[in-house]
């Protein structure tokens, strides 16, 4: 016996709540807060709930710390994990992709050491977004 699917997605509007960029970024925000608590608290204090500026600031922070060699390799790897998680989410949401490209990746591209390290640490998806900035 084959069951026909009779429920439409419009019958359950709550199912599409995940299409909102803020809700899609929730797991990335949690990872960022867990691994960079001081940065996260300071950035949220300065920019409020604006994720665009939060991630732009994070890109600036990551690029600067790589250029100045101020944090451990483990911390830098966790920073790239944030960007890779964001790239994974952005594959389903163009607004998050725009946020990633015009925010953190712009800072990474502008910093030579950070760009070189990003070529080794970023996922293929994130690298393709970064390379589009270099063209």
Protein backbone atom coordinates (compact mmCIF):
# COMPACT_ATOMS: atom_id res chain seq x y z
CA UNK A 1 0.00 0.00 0.00
CA UNK A 2 1.40 3.36 -1.02
CA UNK A 3 0.46 6.40 1.00
CA UNK A 4 -0.06 9.57 -0.89
CA UNK A 5 1.29 12.73 0.55
CA UNK A 6 -1.70 14.94 1.14
CA UNK A 7 -0.18 17.61 3.37
CA UNK A 8 1.18 20.64 1.64
CA UNK A 9 3.98 22.78 3.01
CA UNK A 10 1.60 25.72 3.13
CA UNK A 11 -0.54 23.82 5.63
CA UNK A 12 2.37 24.05 8.08
CA UNK A 13 3.75 27.59 7.93
CA UNK A 14 6.02 26.95 10.92
CA UNK A 15 8.05 24.48 8.91
CA UNK A 16 9.56 27.28 6.89
CA UNK A 17 10.66 29.33 9.87
CA UNK A 18 14.20 28.09 9.16
CA UNK A 19 14.33 30.13 5.97
CA UNK A 20 14.91 33.26 8.04
CA UNK A 21 18.68 34.05 8.02
CA UNK A 22 18.72 34.64 11.78
CA UNK A 23 17.28 31.21 12.53
CA UNK A 24 19.57 29.53 10.02
CA UNK A 25 22.58 31.19 11.64
CA UNK A 26 21.57 30.15 15.15
CA UNK A 27 23.89 27.12 15.28
CA UNK A 28 26.75 29.19 13.83
CA UNK A 29 26.08 31.92 16.40
CA UNK A 30 26.14 29.33 19.19
CA UNK A 31 29.46 27.93 17.94
CA UNK A 32 30.90 31.44 17.69
CA UNK A 33 29.72 32.33 21.19
CA UNK A 34 31.08 29.08 22.65
CA UNK A 35 34.52 29.34 21.03
CA UNK A 36 35.01 33.12 21.07
CA UNK A 37 33.05 34.26 24.16
CA UNK A 38 34.94 37.53 24.71
CA UNK A 39 34.69 38.54 21.06
CA UNK A 40 31.03 37.56 20.91
CA UNK A 41 30.07 39.50 24.03
CA UNK A 42 31.93 42.63 22.94
CA UNK A 43 30.56 42.50 19.39
CA UNK A 44 26.99 41.95 20.55
CA UNK A 45 27.38 44.87 22.94
CA UNK A 46 28.59 47.10 20.10
CA UNK A 47 26.34 45.97 17.23
CA UNK A 48 23.35 44.44 19.00
CA UNK A 49 21.54 41.65 17.17
CA UNK A 50 22.80 42.62 13.72
CA UNK A 51 24.39 39.43 12.38
CA UNK A 52 25.78 41.20 9.30
CA UNK A 53 27.98 43.43 11.44
CA UNK A 54 28.75 40.61 13.88
CA UNK A 55 30.24 38.47 11.12
CA UNK A 56 31.95 41.40 9.41
CA UNK A 57 33.63 42.17 12.73
CA UNK A 58 34.51 38.52 13.15
CA UNK A 59 36.22 38.47 9.75
CA UNK A 60 38.14 41.59 10.69
CA UNK A 61 39.10 40.05 14.04
CA UNK A 62 40.20 36.75 12.47
CA UNK A 63 42.25 38.43 9.72
CA UNK A 64 43.92 40.79 12.20
CA UNK A 65 44.83 38.02 14.64
CA UNK A 66 46.31 35.91 11.84
CA UNK A 67 48.32 38.84 10.46
CA UNK A 68 49.64 39.75 13.91
CA UNK A 69 50.11 36.11 14.98
CA UNK A 70 48.25 36.81 18.24
CA UNK A 71 46.34 33.58 18.91
CA UNK A 72 46.99 29.86 18.87
CA UNK A 73 46.65 27.74 15.76
CA UNK A 74 43.75 25.92 17.41
CA UNK A 75 41.85 29.19 17.87
CA UNK A 76 42.50 30.15 14.24
CA UNK A 77 41.22 26.75 13.09
CA UNK A 78 38.05 27.29 15.12
CA UNK A 79 37.69 30.68 13.42
CA UNK A 80 37.79 29.00 10.01
CA UNK A 81 35.27 26.46 11.29
CA UNK A 82 32.89 29.36 11.96
CA UNK A 83 33.30 30.51 8.34
CA UNK A 84 32.90 26.95 7.00
CA UNK A 85 29.70 26.48 9.00
CA UNK A 86 28.45 29.78 7.66
CA UNK A 87 29.31 28.71 4.09
CA UNK A 88 27.39 25.45 4.57
CA UNK A 89 24.30 27.36 5.71
CA UNK A 90 24.71 29.92 2.92
CA UNK A 91 24.32 27.24 0.26
CA UNK A 92 20.60 27.34 1.08
CA UNK A 93 20.24 31.05 1.76
CA UNK A 94 21.50 33.77 -0.61
CA UNK A 95 21.27 36.46 2.08
CA UNK A 96 23.70 34.54 4.28
CA UNK A 97 25.99 34.01 1.27
CA UNK A 98 25.97 37.77 0.68
CA UNK A 99 26.68 38.34 4.38
CA UNK A 100 29.64 35.92 4.24
CA UNK A 101 31.14 37.31 1.05
CA UNK A 102 30.70 41.01 1.78
CA UNK A 103 31.61 40.64 5.44
CA UNK A 104 34.25 38.27 6.80
CA UNK A 105 35.68 37.03 3.51
CA UNK A 106 36.45 40.58 2.35
CA UNK A 107 38.66 41.06 5.41
CA UNK A 108 40.35 37.69 4.84
CA UNK A 109 41.09 38.51 1.17
CA UNK A 110 42.64 41.86 2.12
CA UNK A 111 45.10 40.27 4.58
CA UNK A 112 47.89 38.30 2.78
CA UNK A 113 48.69 35.83 5.59
CA UNK A 114 45.02 35.25 6.33
CA UNK A 115 44.25 34.70 2.63
CA UNK A 116 47.08 32.15 2.30
CA UNK A 117 45.89 30.28 5.39
CA UNK A 118 42.26 30.45 4.23
CA UNK A 119 43.23 28.62 1.04
CA UNK A 120 44.30 25.71 3.24
CA UNK A 121 41.57 25.84 5.91
CA UNK A 122 38.35 26.92 4.19
CA UNK A 123 35.91 24.43 2.73
CA UNK A 124 35.65 24.25 -1.08
CA UNK A 125 32.37 26.20 -0.94
CA UNK A 126 33.87 29.00 1.17
CA UNK A 127 36.98 29.04 -1.02
CA UNK A 128 34.89 29.50 -4.14
CA UNK A 129 33.16 32.48 -2.52
CA UNK A 130 36.56 33.90 -1.52
CA UNK A 131 37.98 33.39 -5.01
CA UNK A 132 35.02 35.28 -6.50
CA UNK A 133 36.27 38.30 -4.52
CA UNK A 134 39.77 37.95 -5.97
CA UNK A 135 38.63 38.14 -9.60
